[in-house]
């Protein structure tokens, strides 16, 4: 089964070799039919501590690395 890849913004880089990435998605409300923006935060492994708060990154699923980390950073994201 292929690993999921998501793109989001780094919201915290305070942990050692860890970044917290906020991933936003847009969906339509089932009854009101309004467009709603939802976000979720993922703890991701950043081996070289190269990404800082505000950076756009791509993360990929991986085997568990700690209690919260189930994702790893695979590189910088692209706008658009």
C-alpha atoms as a PDB file:
ATOM      1  CA  UNK A   1       0.000   0.000   0.000  1.00  0.00           C
ATOM      2  CA  UNK A   2       1.446   3.407  -0.928  1.00  0.00           C
ATOM      3  CA  UNK A   3       2.381   5.862   1.779  1.00  0.00           C
ATOM      4  CA  UNK A   4       0.311   9.028   2.070  1.00  0.00           C
ATOM      5  CA  UNK A   5       2.030  12.322   1.272  1.00  0.00           C
ATOM      6  CA  UNK A   6       0.677  15.600   2.637  1.00  0.00           C
ATOM      7  CA  UNK A   7       1.765  19.224   2.321  1.00  0.00           C
ATOM      8  CA  UNK A   8       1.554  21.767   5.111  1.00  0.00           C
ATOM      9  CA  UNK A   9       3.167  24.605   7.028  1.00  0.00           C
ATOM     10  CA  UNK A  10       5.605  24.178   9.921  1.00  0.00           C
ATOM     11  CA  UNK A  11       4.020  25.718  13.029  1.00  0.00           C
ATOM     12  CA  UNK A  12       6.647  24.636  15.581  1.00  0.00           C
ATOM     13  CA  UNK A  13      10.302  23.569  15.407  1.00  0.00           C
ATOM     14  CA  UNK A  14      11.128  23.544  19.118  1.00  0.00           C
ATOM     15  CA  UNK A  15      11.601  19.769  19.474  1.00  0.00           C
ATOM     16  CA  UNK A  16      14.885  18.012  18.711  1.00  0.00           C
ATOM     17  CA  UNK A  17      14.624  16.510  15.197  1.00  0.00           C
ATOM     18  CA  UNK A  18      10.870  17.204  15.260  1.00  0.00           C
ATOM     19  CA  UNK A  19       8.601  19.690  13.526  1.00  0.00           C
ATOM     20  CA  UNK A  20       4.861  20.163  13.942  1.00  0.00           C
ATOM     21  CA  UNK A  21       3.152  20.559  10.570  1.00  0.00           C
ATOM     22  CA  UNK A  22      -0.334  22.022  10.122  1.00  0.00           C
ATOM     23  CA  UNK A  23      -2.138  20.552   7.097  1.00  0.00           C
ATOM     24  CA  UNK A  24      -5.235  22.396   5.851  1.00  0.00           C
ATOM     25  CA  UNK A  25      -7.985  20.901   3.733  1.00  0.00           C
ATOM     26  CA  UNK A  26     -11.128  22.390   2.247  1.00  0.00           C
ATOM     27  CA  UNK A  27     -14.430  20.524   2.298  1.00  0.00           C
ATOM     28  CA  UNK A  28     -18.085  21.290   1.778  1.00  0.00           C
ATOM     29  CA  UNK A  29     -20.552  21.150   4.683  1.00  0.00           C
ATOM     30  CA  UNK A  30     -23.035  18.305   3.982  1.00  0.00           C
ATOM     31  CA  UNK A  31     -26.185  20.305   4.845  1.00  0.00           C
ATOM     32  CA  UNK A  32     -25.294  23.990   4.537  1.00  0.00           C
ATOM     33  CA  UNK A  33     -23.103  23.429   1.451  1.00  0.00           C
ATOM     34  CA  UNK A  34     -20.685  26.096   2.675  1.00  0.00           C
ATOM     35  CA  UNK A  35     -16.964  25.706   2.060  1.00  0.00           C
ATOM     36  CA  UNK A  36     -15.163  25.000   5.338  1.00  0.00           C
ATOM     37  CA  UNK A  37     -11.415  25.104   5.975  1.00  0.00           C
ATOM     38  CA  UNK A  38     -10.231  22.411   8.404  1.00  0.00           C
ATOM     39  CA  UNK A  39      -6.714  21.827   9.701  1.00  0.00           C
ATOM     40  CA  UNK A  40      -4.872  19.066  11.518  1.00  0.00           C
ATOM     41  CA  UNK A  41      -1.432  19.060  13.134  1.00  0.00           C
ATOM     42  CA  UNK A  42       1.091  16.254  12.585  1.00  0.00           C
ATOM     43  CA  UNK A  43       4.380  15.667  14.409  1.00  0.00           C
ATOM     44  CA  UNK A  44       7.017  14.845  11.798  1.00  0.00           C
ATOM     45  CA  UNK A  45      10.628  13.683  11.983  1.00  0.00           C
ATOM     46  CA  UNK A  46      13.178  16.219  10.657  1.00  0.00           C
ATOM     47  CA  UNK A  47      16.563  14.473  10.844  1.00  0.00           C
ATOM     48  CA  UNK A  48      18.764  17.508  10.082  1.00  0.00           C
ATOM     49  CA  UNK A  49      16.679  20.180  11.854  1.00  0.00           C
ATOM     50  CA  UNK A  50      16.633  22.128   8.578  1.00  0.00           C
ATOM     51  CA  UNK A  51      13.021  23.405   8.551  1.00  0.00           C
ATOM     52  CA  UNK A  52      11.876  26.410  10.560  1.00  0.00           C
ATOM     53  CA  UNK A  53       8.497  27.859  11.525  1.00  0.00           C
ATOM     54  CA  UNK A  54       6.600  29.132   8.483  1.00  0.00           C
ATOM     55  CA  UNK A  55       8.262  26.808   5.938  1.00  0.00           C
ATOM     56  CA  UNK A  56       6.109  24.869   3.477  1.00  0.00           C
ATOM     57  CA  UNK A  57       6.988  21.142   3.662  1.00  0.00           C
ATOM     58  CA  UNK A  58       5.873  17.742   2.365  1.00  0.00           C
ATOM     59  CA  UNK A  59       5.507  14.888   4.865  1.00  0.00           C
ATOM     60  CA  UNK A  60       5.147  11.148   4.322  1.00  0.00           C
ATOM     61  CA  UNK A  61       3.853   8.329   6.502  1.00  0.00           C
ATOM     62  CA  UNK A  62       6.499   6.143   8.132  1.00  0.00           C
ATOM     63  CA  UNK A  63       6.940   3.561  10.843  1.00  0.00           C
ATOM     64  CA  UNK A  64       6.500   4.971  14.367  1.00  0.00           C
ATOM     65  CA  UNK A  65       9.593   6.873  15.500  1.00  0.00           C
ATOM     66  CA  UNK A  66       8.266   7.924  18.930  1.00  0.00           C
ATOM     67  CA  UNK A  67       5.020   8.257  20.877  1.00  0.00           C
ATOM     68  CA  UNK A  68       3.625  10.955  18.561  1.00  0.00           C
ATOM     69  CA  UNK A  69       5.798  10.835  15.420  1.00  0.00           C
ATOM     70  CA  UNK A  70       4.318   8.748  12.593  1.00  0.00           C
ATOM     71  CA  UNK A  71       5.387  11.058   9.738  1.00  0.00           C
ATOM     72  CA  UNK A  72       8.713  12.217   8.290  1.00  0.00           C
ATOM     73  CA  UNK A  73       9.618  15.309   6.290  1.00  0.00           C
ATOM     74  CA  UNK A  74      10.591  14.455   2.700  1.00  0.00           C
ATOM     75  CA  UNK A  75      11.364  17.963   1.478  1.00  0.00           C
ATOM     76  CA  UNK A  76      10.163  21.471   0.860  1.00  0.00           C
ATOM     77  CA  UNK A  77       6.683  21.921  -0.544  1.00  0.00           C
ATOM     78  CA  UNK A  78       5.692  23.822  -3.647  1.00  0.00           C
ATOM     79  CA  UNK A  79       3.208  26.651  -3.788  1.00  0.00           C
ATOM     80  CA  UNK A  80       0.251  26.277  -6.090  1.00  0.00           C
END
